């Protein structure tokens, strides 16, 4: 992957992670502001031209007249006043079955023979969104694009246990894209959203 493709991949991920701006604004009373300033949060470069032929296929949000793309995002936060370092994240990712890629992001794949297909990726919540040996961060973003290589529900049932496993290892807490905790009701509603996506996008 060349430098342009990496920048475009990070830009696509940034579209999702812009929602983190609200989190660091402490919209909910039980979530406090981190030690990072607003300009340190991962966000896109608005000057990037996202020409489809330059965007890596695995980074595209698929959308056409029949299938309308949907992006599912979970956030894994460090507890207030704490951060995750590279070694903690790498160890947790390995135990949860994620692979570290040359673009400095973590991926979960489905393997079919000698081939592998991406199910979801994990990015750093702080810009530029990637992981390296010197980094520390207040959280991770799990990003899944639909339609994908399996049914929406199967993909969700792969993503959520991985996020939960990493949450246990890192001793953090998970929230959805609205930064709400995952109650039993919220988990059930997410699974229903996945079923409805399949119904609406056969």
Protein backbone atom coordinates (compact mmCIF):
# COMPACT_ATOMS: atom_id res chain seq x y z
CA UNK A 1 0.00 0.00 0.00
CA UNK A 2 1.52 3.35 -1.04
CA UNK A 3 1.38 6.64 0.88
CA UNK A 4 -1.64 7.94 -1.06
CA UNK A 5 -3.68 4.80 -0.38
CA UNK A 6 -2.80 4.98 3.31
CA UNK A 7 -3.89 8.62 3.51
CA UNK A 8 -7.16 7.81 1.78
CA UNK A 9 -7.79 4.81 4.06
CA UNK A 10 -7.23 6.99 7.13
CA UNK A 11 -9.56 9.63 5.65
CA UNK A 12 -12.35 7.08 5.23
CA UNK A 13 -11.90 5.89 8.80
CA UNK A 14 -11.87 9.51 9.94
CA UNK A 15 -15.38 10.05 8.62
CA UNK A 16 -16.56 7.59 11.24
CA UNK A 17 -14.39 8.77 14.09
CA UNK A 18 -15.43 12.40 13.79
CA UNK A 19 -18.28 11.40 16.10
CA UNK A 20 -15.71 11.12 18.86
CA UNK A 21 -15.71 14.91 19.04
CA UNK A 22 -18.98 14.64 20.92
CA UNK A 23 -17.55 12.18 23.37
CA UNK A 24 -14.71 14.47 24.33
CA UNK A 25 -17.25 17.24 24.83
CA UNK A 26 -18.50 15.18 27.81
CA UNK A 27 -22.12 15.00 26.74
CA UNK A 28 -22.90 12.43 29.43
CA UNK A 29 -22.27 13.12 33.13
CA UNK A 30 -20.46 9.82 33.70
CA UNK A 31 -17.94 10.52 30.93
CA UNK A 32 -15.23 13.06 31.69
CA UNK A 33 -12.95 14.95 29.32
CA UNK A 34 -9.61 13.31 28.58
CA UNK A 35 -6.20 14.93 28.93
CA UNK A 36 -6.03 15.40 25.14
CA UNK A 37 -6.93 18.65 23.39
CA UNK A 38 -9.56 18.82 20.63
CA UNK A 39 -6.94 19.25 17.90
CA UNK A 40 -5.34 15.95 18.91
CA UNK A 41 -8.43 13.93 18.05
CA UNK A 42 -8.35 11.84 14.92
CA UNK A 43 -10.16 13.60 12.07
CA UNK A 44 -10.03 13.66 8.31
CA UNK A 45 -8.06 15.95 6.05
CA UNK A 46 -10.86 17.74 4.14
CA UNK A 47 -8.56 18.45 1.20
CA UNK A 48 -8.17 14.77 0.29
CA UNK A 49 -9.72 13.77 -3.03
CA UNK A 50 -11.25 10.34 -2.60
CA UNK A 51 -11.11 8.99 -6.13
CA UNK A 52 -12.68 5.55 -6.07
CA UNK A 53 -9.95 3.93 -8.16
CA UNK A 54 -7.35 4.93 -5.55
CA UNK A 55 -9.27 3.78 -2.48
CA UNK A 56 -8.32 0.28 -1.31
CA UNK A 57 -11.26 -2.07 -1.85
CA UNK A 58 -11.30 -3.11 1.81
CA UNK A 59 -11.74 0.52 2.88
CA UNK A 60 -14.78 1.30 0.75
CA UNK A 61 -18.26 1.74 2.20
CA UNK A 62 -20.31 -0.07 -0.41
CA UNK A 63 -23.41 1.65 -1.70
CA UNK A 64 -25.53 1.38 -4.83
CA UNK A 65 -29.16 1.50 -5.87
CA UNK A 66 -29.84 -1.95 -4.43
CA UNK A 67 -27.56 -2.06 -1.39
CA UNK A 68 -27.18 0.97 0.83
CA UNK A 69 -24.02 0.93 2.89
CA UNK A 70 -24.11 1.04 6.66
CA UNK A 71 -21.20 1.58 9.02
CA UNK A 72 -21.30 0.06 12.51
CA UNK A 73 -18.94 1.56 15.08
CA UNK A 74 -18.09 0.55 18.66
CA UNK A 75 -15.75 2.39 20.99
CA UNK A 76 -13.49 0.93 23.64
CA UNK A 77 -12.53 3.59 26.18
CA UNK A 78 -9.85 3.61 28.83
CA UNK A 79 -11.18 4.39 32.28
CA UNK A 80 -11.05 8.02 33.37
CA UNK A 81 -7.51 9.31 33.75
CA UNK A 82 -5.94 6.22 32.16
CA UNK A 83 -4.55 5.38 28.72
CA UNK A 84 -3.74 2.27 26.72
CA UNK A 85 -0.17 1.88 25.46
CA UNK A 86 1.09 0.01 22.40
CA UNK A 87 2.12 -3.13 24.24
CA UNK A 88 -1.24 -3.47 25.99
CA UNK A 89 -3.15 -2.98 22.75
CA UNK A 90 -0.95 -5.33 20.73
CA UNK A 91 -1.24 -8.07 23.35
CA UNK A 92 -5.01 -7.68 23.67
CA UNK A 93 -5.47 -7.62 19.89
CA UNK A 94 -3.42 -10.81 19.48
CA UNK A 95 -5.43 -12.61 22.16
CA UNK A 96 -8.68 -11.46 20.52
CA UNK A 97 -7.66 -12.79 17.11
CA UNK A 98 -6.80 -9.52 15.34
CA UNK A 99 -3.96 -9.06 12.85
CA UNK A 100 -1.70 -6.02 12.64
CA UNK A 101 -1.34 -4.75 9.07
CA UNK A 102 1.28 -2.74 7.19
CA UNK A 103 -1.05 0.25 7.33
CA UNK A 104 -0.70 0.25 11.16
CA UNK A 105 -4.29 -0.80 11.84
CA UNK A 106 -5.69 -4.03 13.26
CA UNK A 107 -7.99 -6.25 11.20
CA UNK A 108 -10.21 -9.27 11.68
CA UNK A 109 -10.40 -11.54 8.65
CA UNK A 110 -12.42 -14.52 7.53
CA UNK A 111 -10.14 -17.09 5.92
CA UNK A 112 -11.31 -19.22 3.02
CA UNK A 113 -8.51 -21.52 1.91
CA UNK A 114 -5.56 -19.32 1.06
CA UNK A 115 -7.74 -16.25 0.74
CA UNK A 116 -8.86 -13.88 3.47
CA UNK A 117 -11.67 -11.34 3.56
CA UNK A 118 -11.87 -8.41 5.95
CA UNK A 119 -14.71 -8.37 8.48
CA UNK A 120 -13.83 -5.23 10.44
CA UNK A 121 -10.91 -3.04 11.48
CA UNK A 122 -9.73 -1.39 14.69
CA UNK A 123 -8.31 2.14 14.68
CA UNK A 124 -6.82 4.45 17.29
CA UNK A 125 -9.32 7.03 18.55
CA UNK A 126 -6.64 9.71 18.41
CA UNK A 127 -5.31 11.07 15.15
CA UNK A 128 -3.86 10.05 12.83
CA UNK A 129 -5.86 6.94 13.74
CA UNK A 130 -3.01 4.45 13.48
CA UNK A 131 -0.98 2.46 16.02
CA UNK A 132 2.78 2.56 16.55
CA UNK A 133 5.26 1.51 19.22
CA UNK A 134 5.42 4.92 20.90
CA UNK A 135 1.70 5.62 21.05
CA UNK A 136 -0.66 5.99 23.96
CA UNK A 137 -4.38 6.50 23.54
CA UNK A 138 -7.59 6.92 25.47
CA UNK A 139 -9.51 4.52 23.26
CA UNK A 140 -10.06 2.36 20.19
CA UNK A 141 -12.69 2.38 17.46
CA UNK A 142 -14.07 -0.86 15.98
CA UNK A 143 -15.40 -0.19 12.47
CA UNK A 144 -17.50 -2.59 10.40
CA UNK A 145 -18.91 -1.86 6.96
CA UNK A 146 -22.09 -3.36 5.55
CA UNK A 147 -22.81 -5.08 3.26
CA UNK A 148 -19.81 -7.26 3.97
CA UNK A 149 -18.40 -10.69 3.31
CA UNK A 150 -20.95 -12.40 5.58
CA UNK A 151 -24.46 -11.58 6.70
CA UNK A 152 -24.77 -8.47 8.85
CA UNK A 153 -25.77 -10.51 11.90
CA UNK A 154 -22.86 -12.94 11.48
CA UNK A 155 -20.46 -10.02 11.18
CA UNK A 156 -21.89 -8.40 14.30
CA UNK A 157 -21.66 -11.70 16.17
CA UNK A 158 -17.97 -11.75 15.25
CA UNK A 159 -17.22 -8.12 16.07
CA UNK A 160 -18.95 -7.78 19.43
CA UNK A 161 -17.24 -10.75 21.16
CA UNK A 162 -13.84 -9.48 19.95
CA UNK A 163 -14.57 -6.00 21.30
CA UNK A 164 -15.81 -7.51 24.56
CA UNK A 165 -12.70 -9.68 24.88
CA UNK A 166 -10.39 -6.70 24.34
CA UNK A 167 -12.44 -4.69 26.82
CA UNK A 168 -11.90 -7.37 29.45
CA UNK A 169 -8.16 -7.62 28.78
CA UNK A 170 -7.61 -3.84 28.72
CA UNK A 171 -10.01 -3.19 31.62
CA UNK A 172 -11.87 -0.49 29.74
CA UNK A 173 -15.53 0.01 28.83
CA UNK A 174 -17.51 -0.25 25.60
CA UNK A 175 -20.00 2.20 24.12
CA UNK A 176 -22.00 2.33 20.91
CA UNK A 177 -21.80 5.08 18.30
CA UNK A 178 -23.97 7.30 20.53
CA UNK A 179 -21.56 6.68 23.43
CA UNK A 180 -24.16 4.74 25.36
CA UNK A 181 -23.21 1.67 27.39
CA UNK A 182 -24.17 -1.76 26.06
CA UNK A 183 -27.09 -2.96 28.15
CA UNK A 184 -28.82 -6.24 27.32
CA UNK A 185 -31.52 -4.23 25.61
CA UNK A 186 -28.99 -2.35 23.49
CA UNK A 187 -27.25 -5.57 22.45
CA UNK A 188 -30.61 -7.05 21.44
CA UNK A 189 -31.51 -3.92 19.49
CA UNK A 190 -28.18 -4.01 17.63
CA UNK A 191 -28.80 -7.61 16.59
CA UNK A 192 -32.27 -6.61 15.39
CA UNK A 193 -30.73 -3.75 13.38
CA UNK A 194 -28.49 -6.29 11.68
CA UNK A 195 -31.46 -8.49 10.82
CA UNK A 196 -33.37 -5.53 9.42
CA UNK A 197 -30.38 -4.54 7.31
CA UNK A 198 -30.41 -7.98 5.70
CA UNK A 199 -34.14 -7.77 5.07
CA UNK A 200 -33.84 -4.34 3.48
CA UNK A 201 -30.73 -5.22 1.50
CA UNK A 202 -31.25 -8.75 0.14
